[in-house]
Structures are given as C-alpha cells and as structure tokens.
C-alpha atoms as a PDB file:
ATOM      1  CA  MET A   1      36.857 113.006  34.627  1.00  0.00           C
ATOM      2  CA  PRO A   2      34.857 110.196  32.922  1.00  0.00           C
ATOM      3  CA  ALA A   3      35.223 106.686  34.309  1.00  0.00           C
ATOM      4  CA  ALA A   4      37.298 104.211  32.331  1.00  0.00           C
ATOM      5  CA  PRO A   5      35.280 101.685  30.297  1.00  0.00           C
ATOM      6  CA  PRO A   6      35.163  98.210  31.822  1.00  0.00           C
ATOM      7  CA  LEU A   7      37.638  95.692  30.505  1.00  0.00           C
ATOM      8  CA  PRO A   8      36.177  93.071  28.163  1.00  0.00           C
ATOM      9  CA  GLY A   9      35.713  89.630  29.669  1.00  0.00           C
ATOM     10  CA  PRO A  10      37.410  86.511  28.352  1.00  0.00           C
ATOM     11  CA  ALA A  11      36.186  85.401  24.974  1.00  0.00           C
ATOM     12  CA  GLY A  12      33.954  82.318  25.025  1.00  0.00           C
ATOM     13  CA  PRO A  13      34.656  79.210  22.976  1.00  0.00           C
ATOM     14  CA  SER A  14      33.479  79.008  19.400  1.00  0.00           C
ATOM     15  CA  PRO A  15      30.404  76.896  18.610  1.00  0.00           C
ATOM     16  CA  PHE A  16      32.623  74.161  17.174  1.00  0.00           C
ATOM     17  CA  GLY A  17      34.881  74.233  20.210  1.00  0.00           C
ATOM     18  CA  ALA A  18      31.876  74.040  22.529  1.00  0.00           C
ATOM     19  CA  PHE A  19      30.576  71.063  20.531  1.00  0.00           C
ATOM     20  CA  LEU A  20      33.892  69.226  20.832  1.00  0.00           C
ATOM     21  CA  GLY A  21      33.968  69.984  24.537  1.00  0.00           C
ATOM     22  CA  ARG A  22      30.530  68.430  25.021  1.00  0.00           C
ATOM     23  CA  ALA A  23      31.516  65.447  22.876  1.00  0.00           C
ATOM     24  CA  PHE A  24      34.708  64.626  24.775  1.00  0.00           C
ATOM     25  CA  ARG A  25      33.134  65.199  28.187  1.00  0.00           C
ATOM     26  CA  GLY A  26      30.254  62.832  27.453  1.00  0.00           C
ATOM     27  CA  ASP A  27      29.550  59.193  28.219  1.00  0.00           C
ATOM     28  CA  TRP A  28      32.475  57.259  26.793  1.00  0.00           C
ATOM     29  CA  ALA A  29      31.360  53.974  28.363  1.00  0.00           C
ATOM     30  CA  GLY A  30      28.098  53.970  26.388  1.00  0.00           C
ATOM     31  CA  SER A  31      29.952  54.905  23.209  1.00  0.00           C
ATOM     32  CA  ALA A  32      32.400  52.046  23.750  1.00  0.00           C
ATOM     33  CA  LYS A  33      29.479  49.630  24.094  1.00  0.00           C
ATOM     34  CA  ALA A  34      28.032  50.871  20.804  1.00  0.00           C
ATOM     35  CA  ALA A  35      31.398  50.539  19.029  1.00  0.00           C
ATOM     36  CA  ALA A  36      31.899  47.028  20.423  1.00  0.00           C
ATOM     37  CA  TRP A  37      29.314  45.665  17.958  1.00  0.00           C
ATOM     38  CA  PRO A  38      31.297  46.314  14.739  1.00  0.00           C
ATOM     39  CA  THR A  39      34.628  45.533  16.392  1.00  0.00           C
ATOM     40  CA  GLY A  40      33.415  42.158  17.627  1.00  0.00           C
ATOM     41  CA  LEU A  41      32.065  41.416  14.158  1.00  0.00           C
ATOM     42  CA  ILE A  42      35.473  41.941  12.518  1.00  0.00           C
ATOM     43  CA  LEU A  43      37.160  39.728  15.095  1.00  0.00           C
ATOM     44  CA  ALA A  44      34.572  36.959  14.675  1.00  0.00           C
ATOM     45  CA  LEU A  45      34.960  36.973  10.888  1.00  0.00           C
ATOM     46  CA  ALA A  46      38.748  36.879  11.156  1.00  0.00           C
ATOM     47  CA  VAL A  47      38.609  33.922  13.558  1.00  0.00           C
ATOM     48  CA  ALA A  48      36.293  32.043  11.182  1.00  0.00           C
ATOM     49  CA  LEU A  49      38.595  32.665   8.211  1.00  0.00           C
ATOM     50  CA  ALA A  50      41.675  31.602  10.196  1.00  0.00           C
ATOM     51  CA  ILE A  51      40.334  28.156  11.142  1.00  0.00           C
ATOM     52  CA  PRO A  52      41.069  26.287   7.835  1.00  0.00           C
ATOM     53  CA  SER A  53      44.698  25.434   7.093  1.00  0.00           C
ATOM     54  CA  TYR A  54      44.205  26.051   3.338  1.00  0.00           C
ATOM     55  CA  GLY A  55      45.922  22.920   2.049  1.00  0.00           C
ATOM     56  CA  GLN A  56      49.042  23.055   4.221  1.00  0.00           C
ATOM     57  CA  GLY A  57      48.595  19.474   5.435  1.00  0.00           C
ATOM     58  CA  ASP A  58      50.613  18.194   8.374  1.00  0.00           C
ATOM     59  CA  ASP A  59      53.559  20.504   7.694  1.00  0.00           C
ATOM     60  CA  VAL A  60      51.974  23.767   8.874  1.00  0.00           C
ATOM     61  CA  VAL A  61      54.076  26.838   8.133  1.00  0.00           C
ATOM     62  CA  VAL A  62      51.410  29.546   8.527  1.00  0.00           C
ATOM     63  CA  GLY A  63      49.988  28.936  11.993  1.00  0.00           C
ATOM     64  CA  TRP A  64      46.594  29.931  13.316  1.00  0.00           C
ATOM     65  CA  SER A  65      47.751  33.236  14.782  1.00  0.00           C
ATOM     66  CA  ASP A  66      49.434  34.221  11.522  1.00  0.00           C
ATOM     67  CA  ARG A  67      46.342  33.212   9.551  1.00  0.00           C
ATOM     68  CA  LEU A  68      44.272  35.345  11.929  1.00  0.00           C
ATOM     69  CA  ARG A  69      46.450  38.387  11.252  1.00  0.00           C
ATOM     70  CA  ILE A  70      46.374  37.757   7.491  1.00  0.00           C
ATOM     71  CA  ALA A  71      42.571  37.437   7.626  1.00  0.00           C
ATOM     72  CA  LEU A  72      42.340  40.733   9.534  1.00  0.00           C
ATOM     73  CA  ALA A  73      44.495  42.436   6.909  1.00  0.00           C
ATOM     74  CA  MET A  74      42.184  41.179   4.162  1.00  0.00           C
ATOM     75  CA  LEU A  75      39.015  42.158   6.037  1.00  0.00           C
ATOM     76  CA  LEU A  76      40.251  45.682   6.730  1.00  0.00           C
ATOM     77  CA  GLN A  77      40.299  46.301   2.983  1.00  0.00           C
ATOM     78  CA  ALA A  78      36.555  46.808   3.435  1.00  0.00           C
ATOM     79  CA  PHE A  79      37.407  50.283   4.792  1.00  0.00           C
ATOM     80  CA  GLY A  80      40.132  51.179   2.313  1.00  0.00           C
ATOM     81  CA  GLY A  81      43.084  49.327   3.811  1.00  0.00           C
ATOM     82  CA  GLY A  82      45.738  47.660   1.700  1.00  0.00           C
ATOM     83  CA  PHE A  83      47.199  44.189   1.454  1.00  0.00           C
ATOM     84  CA  GLU A  84      50.827  43.992   0.396  1.00  0.00           C
ATOM     85  CA  VAL A  85      53.173  41.034   0.722  1.00  0.00           C
ATOM     86  CA  ARG A  86      56.894  41.737   0.409  1.00  0.00           C
ATOM     87  CA  SER A  87      60.212  39.947   0.850  1.00  0.00           C
ATOM     88  CA  THR A  88      63.578  41.690   0.665  1.00  0.00           C
ATOM     89  CA  GLY A  89      65.974  38.938   1.696  1.00  0.00           C
ATOM     90  CA  PRO A  90      67.998  36.758  -0.665  1.00  0.00           C
ATOM     91  CA  GLY A  91      66.246  33.662  -1.913  1.00  0.00           C
ATOM     92  CA  GLY A  92      66.180  31.186  -4.760  1.00  0.00           C
ATOM     93  CA  GLY A  93      64.867  32.848  -7.881  1.00  0.00           C
ATOM     94  CA  LEU A  94      63.478  31.176 -10.976  1.00  0.00           C
ATOM     95  CA  ASP A  95      65.776  30.492 -13.901  1.00  0.00           C
ATOM     96  CA  GLY A  96      64.880  32.309 -17.084  1.00  0.00           C
ATOM     97  CA  ASN A  97      63.844  35.499 -15.283  1.00  0.00           C
ATOM     98  CA  GLY A  98      67.312  36.969 -14.777  1.00  0.00           C
ATOM     99  CA  PHE A  99      67.865  35.326 -11.375  1.00  0.00           C
ATOM    100  CA  ASP A 100      69.866  32.257 -10.492  1.00  0.00           C
ATOM    101  CA  GLY A 101      69.194  29.743  -7.744  1.00  0.00           C
ATOM    102  CA  SER A 102      71.234  31.679  -5.163  1.00  0.00           C
ATOM    103  CA  GLY A 103      68.939  34.689  -5.148  1.00  0.00           C
ATOM    104  CA  TYR A 104      71.306  36.961  -7.082  1.00  0.00           C
ATOM    105  CA  ASP A 105      70.891  38.170 -10.622  1.00  0.00           C
ATOM    106  CA  SER A 106      73.617  37.956 -13.250  1.00  0.00           C
ATOM    107  CA  GLY A 107      75.073  41.253 -12.067  1.00  0.00           C
ATOM    108  CA  GLY A 108      75.306  40.243  -8.417  1.00  0.00           C
ATOM    109  CA  GLY A 109      72.087  41.858  -7.149  1.00  0.00           C
ATOM    110  CA  VAL A 110      69.836  40.559  -4.387  1.00  0.00           C
ATOM    111  CA  SER A 111      66.381  39.534  -5.603  1.00  0.00           C
ATOM    112  CA  GLN A 112      63.495  41.479  -4.103  1.00  0.00           C
ATOM    113  CA  GLY A 113      59.815  40.988  -4.746  1.00  0.00           C
ATOM    114  CA  GLY A 114      56.347  41.835  -3.609  1.00  0.00           C
ATOM    115  CA  ALA A 115      52.694  41.307  -4.356  1.00  0.00           C
ATOM    116  CA  THR A 116      49.693  43.572  -3.816  1.00  0.00           C
ATOM    117  CA  LEU A 117      46.082  42.417  -3.663  1.00  0.00           C
ATOM    118  CA  PHE A 118      43.287  44.913  -4.246  1.00  0.00           C
ATOM    119  CA  VAL A 119      39.856  43.607  -3.252  1.00  0.00           C
ATOM    120  CA  VAL A 120      37.005  45.293  -1.376  1.00  0.00           C
ATOM    121  CA  PRO A 121      35.027  42.656   0.562  1.00  0.00           C
ATOM    122  CA  LEU A 122      31.676  44.404   0.445  1.00  0.00           C
ATOM    123  CA  THR A 123      30.078  41.784   2.683  1.00  0.00           C
ATOM    124  CA  VAL A 124      32.324  42.974   5.502  1.00  0.00           C
ATOM    125  CA  THR A 125      31.476  46.605   4.764  1.00  0.00           C
ATOM    126  CA  VAL A 126      27.730  45.922   4.820  1.00  0.00           C
ATOM    127  CA  LEU A 127      27.886  43.835   7.995  1.00  0.00           C
ATOM    128  CA  TRP A 128      30.100  46.407   9.742  1.00  0.00           C
ATOM    129  CA  VAL A 129      27.692  49.205   8.822  1.00  0.00           C
ATOM    130  CA  GLY A 130      24.774  47.098  10.082  1.00  0.00           C
ATOM    131  CA  ALA A 131      26.494  46.416  13.411  1.00  0.00           C
ATOM    132  CA  LEU A 132      27.345  50.102  13.759  1.00  0.00           C
ATOM    133  CA  PHE A 133      23.713  50.952  12.977  1.00  0.00           C
ATOM    134  CA  LEU A 134      22.524  48.720  15.820  1.00  0.00           C
ATOM    135  CA  GLY A 135      25.002  50.264  18.230  1.00  0.00           C
ATOM    136  CA  ALA A 136      23.950  53.790  17.239  1.00  0.00           C
ATOM    137  CA  ARG A 137      20.275  52.910  17.731  1.00  0.00           C
ATOM    138  CA  ALA A 138      21.041  51.756  21.261  1.00  0.00           C
ATOM    139  CA  ALA A 139      22.820  55.061  21.902  1.00  0.00           C
ATOM    140  CA  ARG A 140      19.839  57.019  20.507  1.00  0.00           C
ATOM    141  CA  LYS A 141      17.504  55.310  22.995  1.00  0.00           C
ATOM    142  CA  GLN A 142      19.717  56.749  25.727  1.00  0.00           C
ATOM    143  CA  GLY A 143      19.305  60.263  24.321  1.00  0.00           C
ATOM    144  CA  GLY A 144      22.577  60.539  22.415  1.00  0.00           C
ATOM    145  CA  GLY A 145      23.044  63.210  19.746  1.00  0.00           C
ATOM    146  CA  MET A 146      25.836  64.231  17.422  1.00  0.00           C
ATOM    147  CA  GLU A 147      28.207  64.314  20.382  1.00  0.00           C
ATOM    148  CA  ALA A 148      27.598  60.593  20.878  1.00  0.00           C
ATOM    149  CA  ALA A 149      28.136  60.044  17.145  1.00  0.00           C
ATOM    150  CA  VAL A 150      31.600  61.592  17.430  1.00  0.00           C
ATOM    151  CA  ARG A 151      32.498  59.442  20.438  1.00  0.00           C
ATOM    152  CA  ILE A 152      31.273  56.214  18.800  1.00  0.00           C
ATOM    153  CA  SER A 153      33.173  57.033  15.612  1.00  0.00           C
ATOM    154  CA  VAL A 154      36.381  57.761  17.508  1.00  0.00           C
ATOM    155  CA  VAL A 155      36.204  54.471  19.422  1.00  0.00           C
ATOM    156  CA  ALA A 156      35.352  52.436  16.306  1.00  0.00           C
ATOM    157  CA  THR A 157      38.184  54.100  14.371  1.00  0.00           C
ATOM    158  CA  ALA A 158      40.661  53.442  17.179  1.00  0.00           C
ATOM    159  CA  ALA A 159      39.643  49.775  17.187  1.00  0.00           C
ATOM    160  CA  VAL A 160      40.197  49.511  13.414  1.00  0.00           C
ATOM    161  CA  LEU A 161      43.595  51.188  13.781  1.00  0.00           C
ATOM    162  CA  VAL A 162      44.675  48.753  16.513  1.00  0.00           C
ATOM    163  CA  LEU A 163      43.507  45.762  14.465  1.00  0.00           C
ATOM    164  CA  GLY A 164      45.318  47.127  11.420  1.00  0.00           C
ATOM    165  CA  LEU A 165      48.562  47.479  13.348  1.00  0.00           C
ATOM    166  CA  PHE A 166      48.156  43.923  14.621  1.00  0.00           C
ATOM    167  CA  ALA A 167      47.385  42.582  11.138  1.00  0.00           C
ATOM    168  CA  GLN A 168      50.969  42.858   9.883  1.00  0.00           C
ATOM    169  CA  PRO A 169      52.560  39.439  10.395  1.00  0.00           C
ATOM    170  CA  ASP A 170      56.002  38.316   9.325  1.00  0.00           C
ATOM    171  CA  VAL A 171      55.864  34.683   8.200  1.00  0.00           C
ATOM    172  CA  ALA A 172      58.969  32.831   6.981  1.00  0.00           C
ATOM    173  CA  GLY A 173      60.666  36.036   5.868  1.00  0.00           C
ATOM    174  CA  VAL A 174      57.525  37.349   4.156  1.00  0.00           C
ATOM    175  CA  SER A 175      55.978  40.492   5.641  1.00  0.00           C
ATOM    176  CA  VAL A 176      52.352  41.559   5.221  1.00  0.00           C
ATOM    177  CA  SER A 177      51.337  45.227   5.318  1.00  0.00           C
ATOM    178  CA  SER A 178      47.714  46.227   5.892  1.00  0.00           C
ATOM    179  CA  ALA A 179      47.904  50.062   5.562  1.00  0.00           C
ATOM    180  CA  PRO A 180      46.240  50.650   8.951  1.00  0.00           C
ATOM    181  CA  LEU A 181      46.072  54.426   8.607  1.00  0.00           C
ATOM    182  CA  LEU A 182      44.037  54.219   5.396  1.00  0.00           C
ATOM    183  CA  ALA A 183      41.706  51.654   6.969  1.00  0.00           C
ATOM    184  CA  ALA A 184      41.232  53.877  10.043  1.00  0.00           C
ATOM    185  CA  LEU A 185      40.491  56.910   7.878  1.00  0.00           C
ATOM    186  CA  GLY A 186      37.877  55.001   5.889  1.00  0.00           C
ATOM    187  CA  ALA A 187      36.308  53.636   9.081  1.00  0.00           C
ATOM    188  CA  LEU A 188      36.125  57.161  10.524  1.00  0.00           C
ATOM    189  CA  VAL A 189      34.278  58.550   7.496  1.00  0.00           C
ATOM    190  CA  ILE A 190      31.839  55.629   7.329  1.00  0.00           C
ATOM    191  CA  SER A 191      31.139  55.648  11.064  1.00  0.00           C
ATOM    192  CA  LEU A 192      30.510  59.398  11.148  1.00  0.00           C
ATOM    193  CA  LEU A 193      28.009  59.123   8.290  1.00  0.00           C
ATOM    194  CA  VAL A 194      26.182  56.123   9.780  1.00  0.00           C
ATOM    195  CA  THR A 195      26.044  57.241  13.406  1.00  0.00           C
ATOM    196  CA  GLY A 196      25.262  60.839  12.467  1.00  0.00           C
ATOM    197  CA  GLY A 197      22.383  59.701  10.270  1.00  0.00           C
ATOM    198  CA  VAL A 198      20.955  57.466  12.985  1.00  0.00           C
ATOM    199  CA  LEU A 199      21.325  59.858  15.903  1.00  0.00           C
ATOM    200  CA  GLN A 200      20.072  62.886  13.928  1.00  0.00           C
ATOM    201  CA  ARG A 201      17.121  61.092  12.364  1.00  0.00           C
ATOM    202  CA  ASP A 202      14.470  63.070  14.243  1.00  0.00           C
ATOM    203  CA  ALA A 203      16.106  66.406  13.455  1.00  0.00           C
ATOM    204  CA  SER A 204      16.416  65.421   9.799  1.00  0.00           C
ATOM    205  CA  ALA A 205      12.730  64.434   9.692  1.00  0.00           C
ATOM    206  CA  GLN A 206      11.714  67.842  11.066  1.00  0.00           C
ATOM    207  CA  TRP A 207      13.924  69.611   8.532  1.00  0.00           C
ATOM    208  CA  LEU A 208      12.434  67.612   5.630  1.00  0.00           C
ATOM    209  CA  ALA A 209       8.857  68.143   6.872  1.00  0.00           C
ATOM    210  CA  ALA A 210       9.308  71.897   6.388  1.00  0.00           C
ATOM    211  CA  ARG A 211      10.543  71.376   2.803  1.00  0.00           C
ATOM    212  CA  PRO A 212       8.087  69.284   0.744  1.00  0.00           C
ATOM    213  CA  VAL A 213      10.229  69.158  -2.406  1.00  0.00           C
ATOM    214  CA  ALA A 214      13.277  67.846  -0.578  1.00  0.00           C
ATOM    215  CA  HIS A 215      11.092  65.373   1.305  1.00  0.00           C
ATOM    216  CA  THR A 216       9.704  64.009  -1.981  1.00  0.00           C
ATOM    217  CA  VAL A 217      13.179  63.638  -3.475  1.00  0.00           C
ATOM    218  CA  VAL A 218      14.457  61.804  -0.401  1.00  0.00           C
ATOM    219  CA  ARG A 219      11.495  59.427  -0.391  1.00  0.00           C
ATOM    220  CA  ALA A 220      11.947  58.667  -4.086  1.00  0.00           C
ATOM    221  CA  ALA A 221      15.654  58.021  -3.584  1.00  0.00           C
ATOM    222  CA  GLY A 222      14.905  55.706  -0.670  1.00  0.00           C
ATOM    223  CA  THR A 223      12.445  53.715  -2.769  1.00  0.00           C
ATOM    224  CA  ALA A 224      14.997  53.391  -5.580  1.00  0.00           C
ATOM    225  CA  VAL A 225      17.701  52.232  -3.167  1.00  0.00           C
ATOM    226  CA  ARG A 226      15.422  49.586  -1.657  1.00  0.00           C
ATOM    227  CA  ALA A 227      14.458  48.296  -5.110  1.00  0.00           C
ATOM    228  CA  LEU A 228      18.108  48.147  -6.158  1.00  0.00           C
ATOM    229  CA  GLY A 229      18.958  46.331  -2.941  1.00  0.00           C
ATOM    230  CA  ALA A 230      16.299  43.692  -3.616  1.00  0.00           C
ATOM    231  CA  VAL A 231      17.615  43.144  -7.151  1.00  0.00           C
ATOM    232  CA  LEU A 232      21.194  42.969  -5.890  1.00  0.00           C
ATOM    233  CA  LEU A 233      20.197  40.415  -3.248  1.00  0.00           C
ATOM    234  CA  LEU A 234      18.600  38.218  -5.913  1.00  0.00           C
ATOM    235  CA  CYS A 235      21.672  38.528  -8.158  1.00  0.00           C
ATOM    236  CA  THR A 236      23.923  37.634  -5.229  1.00  0.00           C
ATOM    237  CA  LEU A 237      21.908  34.493  -4.517  1.00  0.00           C
ATOM    238  CA  ILE A 238      22.020  33.430  -8.175  1.00  0.00           C
ATOM    239  CA  GLY A 239      25.738  34.105  -8.473  1.00  0.00           C
ATOM    240  CA  PHE A 240      26.653  32.241  -5.292  1.00  0.00           C
ATOM    241  CA  ILE A 241      24.577  29.187  -6.281  1.00  0.00           C
ATOM    242  CA  ALA A 242      26.235  29.147  -9.709  1.00  0.00           C
ATOM    243  CA  TYR A 243      29.670  29.413  -8.136  1.00  0.00           C
ATOM    244  CA  ALA A 244      28.969  26.717  -5.533  1.00  0.00           C
ATOM    245  CA  ASN A 245      27.862  24.267  -8.252  1.00  0.00           C
ATOM    246  CA  ALA A 246      30.945  24.852 -10.407  1.00  0.00           C
ATOM    247  CA  ASP A 247      33.636  22.200 -10.758  1.00  0.00           C
ATOM    248  CA  GLY A 248      36.600  22.373  -8.404  1.00  0.00           C
ATOM    249  CA  VAL A 249      34.879  24.548  -5.771  1.00  0.00           C
ATOM    250  CA  ASP A 250      35.286  23.114  -2.274  1.00  0.00           C
ATOM    251  CA  GLY A 251      34.322  24.315   1.185  1.00  0.00           C
ATOM    252  CA  GLU A 252      37.402  26.511   1.651  1.00  0.00           C
ATOM    253  CA  ALA A 253      36.782  28.285  -1.662  1.00  0.00           C
ATOM    254  CA  MET A 254      33.170  28.944  -0.653  1.00  0.00           C
ATOM    255  CA  LEU A 255      34.312  30.257   2.740  1.00  0.00           C
ATOM    256  CA  ILE A 256      36.702  32.718   1.082  1.00  0.00           C
ATOM    257  CA  ALA A 257      33.937  33.806  -1.324  1.00  0.00           C
ATOM    258  CA  LEU A 258      31.538  34.729   1.496  1.00  0.00           C
ATOM    259  CA  PRO A 259      33.117  38.167   2.161  1.00  0.00           C
ATOM    260  CA  LEU A 260      32.703  38.859  -1.577  1.00  0.00           C
ATOM    261  CA  LEU A 261      28.984  38.099  -1.928  1.00  0.00           C
ATOM    262  CA  PRO A 262      27.953  41.680  -2.844  1.00  0.00           C
ATOM    263  CA  ASN A 263      30.850  41.764  -5.314  1.00  0.00           C
ATOM    264  CA  ILE A 264      29.435  38.639  -6.944  1.00  0.00           C
ATOM    265  CA  GLY A 265      25.957  40.194  -6.960  1.00  0.00           C
ATOM    266  CA  LEU A 266      27.243  43.324  -8.660  1.00  0.00           C
ATOM    267  CA  MET A 267      29.035  41.194 -11.234  1.00  0.00           C
ATOM    268  CA  VAL A 268      25.845  39.227 -11.987  1.00  0.00           C
ATOM    269  CA  LEU A 269      23.883  42.476 -12.201  1.00  0.00           C
ATOM    270  CA  GLY A 270      26.435  43.847 -14.669  1.00  0.00           C
ATOM    271  CA  LEU A 271      26.298  40.603 -16.614  1.00  0.00           C
ATOM    272  CA  SER A 272      22.515  40.899 -16.879  1.00  0.00           C
ATOM    273  CA  VAL A 273      22.803  44.328 -18.489  1.00  0.00           C
ATOM    274  CA  GLY A 274      25.509  43.425 -20.985  1.00  0.00           C
ATOM    275  CA  GLY A 275      28.612  42.387 -19.056  1.00  0.00           C
ATOM    276  CA  ARG A 276      30.792  39.562 -20.368  1.00  0.00           C
ATOM    277  CA  ARG A 277      32.415  38.147 -17.261  1.00  0.00           C
ATOM    278  CA  GLY A 278      31.248  34.750 -16.018  1.00  0.00           C
ATOM    279  CA  VAL A 279      30.209  34.027 -12.464  1.00  0.00           C
ATOM    280  CA  ARG A 280      32.753  31.258 -12.021  1.00  0.00           C
ATOM    281  CA  GLY A 281      35.603  33.265 -13.515  1.00  0.00           C
ATOM    282  CA  ALA A 282      35.032  36.324 -11.340  1.00  0.00           C
ATOM    283  CA  ALA A 283      34.380  34.484  -8.087  1.00  0.00           C
ATOM    284  CA  SER A 284      37.242  32.060  -8.661  1.00  0.00           C
ATOM    285  CA  ALA A 285      39.605  34.962  -9.360  1.00  0.00           C
ATOM    286  CA  ALA A 286      38.719  36.653  -6.093  1.00  0.00           C
ATOM    287  CA  ALA A 287      38.878  33.432  -4.067  1.00  0.00           C
ATOM    288  CA  ALA A 288      42.147  32.328  -5.661  1.00  0.00           C
ATOM    289  CA  GLY A 289      43.759  35.713  -5.099  1.00  0.00           C
ATOM    290  CA  ALA A 290      42.895  35.508  -1.404  1.00  0.00           C
ATOM    291  CA  ALA A 291      43.859  31.857  -0.936  1.00  0.00           C
ATOM    292  CA  ASP A 292      47.228  32.217  -2.679  1.00  0.00           C
ATOM    293  CA  THR A 293      48.530  34.308   0.232  1.00  0.00           C
ATOM    294  CA  ASP A 294      48.716  31.400   2.678  1.00  0.00           C
ATOM    295  CA  ALA A 295      49.963  29.020  -0.007  1.00  0.00           C
ATOM    296  CA  ASP A 296      52.750  31.395  -1.031  1.00  0.00           C
ATOM    297  CA  ALA A 297      53.820  31.871   2.576  1.00  0.00           C
ATOM    298  CA  ALA A 298      53.840  28.099   3.065  1.00  0.00           C
ATOM    299  CA  ARG A 299      56.022  27.645  -0.011  1.00  0.00           C
ATOM    300  CA  CYS A 300      58.360  30.313   1.292  1.00  0.00           C
ATOM    301  CA  GLY A 301      58.683  28.409   4.570  1.00  0.00           C
ATOM    302  CA  ALA A 302      59.367  25.152   2.771  1.00  0.00           C
ATOM    303  CA  ASP A 303      62.065  26.777   0.642  1.00  0.00           C
ATOM    304  CA  SER A 304      63.590  28.337   3.747  1.00  0.00           C
ATOM    305  CA  ALA A 305      63.798  24.874   5.334  1.00  0.00           C
ATOM    306  CA  ASP A 306      65.536  23.491   2.235  1.00  0.00           C
ATOM    307  CA  HIS A 307      67.943  26.452   2.077  1.00  0.00           C
ATOM    308  CA  PRO A 308      68.694  27.493   5.697  1.00  0.00           C
ATOM    309  CA  ASP A 309      71.232  30.095   4.555  1.00  0.00           C
ATOM    310  CA  ASP A 310      68.559  31.985   2.649  1.00  0.00           C
ATOM    311  CA  SER A 311      65.812  34.145   4.084  1.00  0.00           C
ATOM    312  CA  GLY A 312      63.208  32.494   1.891  1.00  0.00           C
ATOM    313  CA  PRO A 313      62.130  33.669  -1.544  1.00  0.00           C
ATOM    314  CA  LEU A 314      58.801  35.207  -2.284  1.00  0.00           C
ATOM    315  CA  ARG A 315      57.342  33.135  -5.056  1.00  0.00           C
ATOM    316  CA  PRO A 316      54.888  35.786  -6.300  1.00  0.00           C
ATOM    317  CA  ALA A 317      57.882  38.036  -6.973  1.00  0.00           C
ATOM    318  CA  HIS A 318      58.728  35.908 -10.001  1.00  0.00           C
ATOM    319  CA  ARG A 319      55.205  35.406 -11.312  1.00  0.00           C
ATOM    320  CA  PRO A 320      53.929  37.384 -14.270  1.00  0.00           C
ATOM    321  CA  THR A 321      51.673  40.318 -13.618  1.00  0.00           C
ATOM    322  CA  ARG A 322      48.024  39.399 -13.454  1.00  0.00           C
ATOM    323  CA  SER A 323      44.920  41.526 -13.235  1.00  0.00           C
ATOM    324  CA  ARG A 324      41.431  40.597 -12.140  1.00  0.00           C
ATOM    325  CA  THR A 325      38.644  43.100 -12.444  1.00  0.00           C
ATOM    326  CA  GLY A 326      35.458  41.026 -12.371  1.00  0.00           C
ATOM    327  CA  THR A 327      34.842  41.479  -8.654  1.00  0.00           C
ATOM    328  CA  GLY A 328      37.003  44.464  -7.921  1.00  0.00           C
ATOM    329  CA  THR A 329      40.117  42.309  -7.427  1.00  0.00           C
ATOM    330  CA  HIS A 330      43.541  43.272  -8.696  1.00  0.00           C
ATOM    331  CA  SER A 331      46.710  41.387  -7.883  1.00  0.00           C
ATOM    332  CA  ARG A 332      50.077  42.739  -8.956  1.00  0.00           C
ATOM    333  CA  THR A 333      53.539  41.236  -8.526  1.00  0.00           C
ATOM    334  CA  THR A 334      56.855  42.935  -9.110  1.00  0.00           C
ATOM    335  CA  HIS A 335      60.545  42.148  -8.848  1.00  0.00           C
ATOM    336  CA  ALA A 336      63.620  44.329  -8.686  1.00  0.00           C
ATOM    337  CA  SER A 337      67.297  43.876  -8.045  1.00  0.00           C
ATOM    338  CA  GLY A 338      70.033  45.657  -6.152  1.00  0.00           C
ATOM    339  CA  ARG A 339      73.814  45.348  -6.008  1.00  0.00           C
ATOM    340  CA  ARG A 340      75.747  43.553  -3.317  1.00  0.00           C
ATOM    341  CA  PRO A 341      77.218  45.851  -0.771  1.00  0.00           C
END
C-alpha cells in the first residue's frame, strides 16, 4: 500500500505582508527622530503666528492659546486640511438681511452662519517637505530602506492628525474646524513620496543607469524643475518687496503673508506671462482673509459681552459672499435659518 503524501506546511506570508512585518518590527525610535523635524517646524510656525494680538488691544478676547490653535488650523491647510468657522447659537443679526436684532428672522428662526477659508500656504508645504527630507537623509545614513520610509510617514501623519484635532478651538461661541483627517491623508501621501524617494535613491540610480532613455528624461526634467525654481524664487522676492512697500501694510500683514510667499511668486509669474492680478491685491486678499478670523472672533466676544443672553453672533454669517483667487484663496460665508422648537 503506497504511503500517504505528506501534508503541506503552513503557507508563508505574502511579499507585501512580509514587507509590512519588517516595517512595523523596525526601529521606531529612529523614525520618530526623523519625523520630529517637520513636526517641530509646524509647531514653531504656529507659535510665531500666535504671538501678535492682531489689533485686539487691551480687551483680548482671542487669547494666545486660541490663536495658537487657529494658526495650526491655517497651517494644516498646507496638506489639504480645511478651515471652517461656524456659529449655531442665537445672536444679533444685521437689519436688512432678514434678521432682527434678537437673532431670529421674521418667521421666528434662529440665525446660523459660517465662513470657510480656502488657502494653501505653500511656504509651509515647502518647509515641511524640506524638514522631512533632512530627517529621511539622517535615516538613510543609518541604513534605512522603504521600511523606514513607512515608519517615518506613519509617525509624521500621526503628528499631523493630533495637531489637527487640537486645532479646533471654540472661542466666544464660534467654533473652528480644521478637517484633521484630510490633513493627515495629505501628509501621508507627501511623506511617503518624499521619504521613499530619499531612502530609495541608490536603487533608483541603479535602475536608471540600466535604461539610458529614462535616465536622459529624468535629467532633463530635473534641469527644468531647477530652472523653474530659480525663476519662481526671483518672482517671489519681487512680489514680496512690492507688497511690503505698498500703503497700509504693517508688520502683522507681512507676518501673515510669509506662509504665502510661493503663492505670491506664482502670482507674479502668472502676471509676467499675461495675468491681470496685481501683487498688492492678491497678497492683501490672502492676508486679510487670514487676519479676519481673529478679528471676527473678537467682535463675537464683544457682542456676547453686550448681550449676555445670546451666544454671540458670527459676523461673517451676514457678510456678502466674496471670492479671492489671486493666491489660491477663497473665502465663502453663508447664512441659514431654522424654526423655533
């Protein structure tokens, strides 16, 4: 009688599963050190932006901690996060817009409003990528590969998610939402591309060396990118000087414009090839859209003090819709009404 065939052994993990196993069993301490560079950069920028009081004077409604959280919410738009200000409580509306001074419309509804600011501070994106590049280079010197790239990206994404959850203050009845999940998703994609490119540089060089046509195309693209970067840097310098010399621009306005320097450079570059938007108009629109957040919250606090029975109106809820596209900025305000229960 023939012997029974041996039983098959347990199936081994797939290549992708084995890769994830190596990645999550690796050196997390070194990856955390590499991810600390971009995380510390975001915190330092937020602290710098939170120092000015933005015209509040002695009666400070938006304190330093709230300004820090608002600044973080604005900075996280560099990775795809949002910035939405909303108030749902009753408050004094503006006459002529269907709302009376008690916060109710003519039909007895409670006034509700919100404002959304769309702006991508490309300075923050560039600086964050640069800090991540330095951290990945340090990891490459220690022999890290794609597994280290995954660990660094996970830590950097977790840090952005935590900061996004923190950057949702509630000031004088006005709540700020930063869309932390979108910011974390954008940070994950960017970090994987940057760290993967840095840590796989040697392997990519060997692959290109065996393919002369691809190597030539990559070198030509790199030369074009460097030339475009030099032109963009020159346009940024010209645009910032023109904005700084404009009338009515003070130190706070220049501080708010710093995260938008590449936006200004792109606008000047577009202007040089036929665009029609002025440097002052575009930069002022971006700076004003950012600075209005603290001013609106301060006004809400002042109105709440005058009307203690109200939760504080949101002034942008009764402003007309406005759109700014010169530097990638778009601010939208809306208002709605509901019935009394």
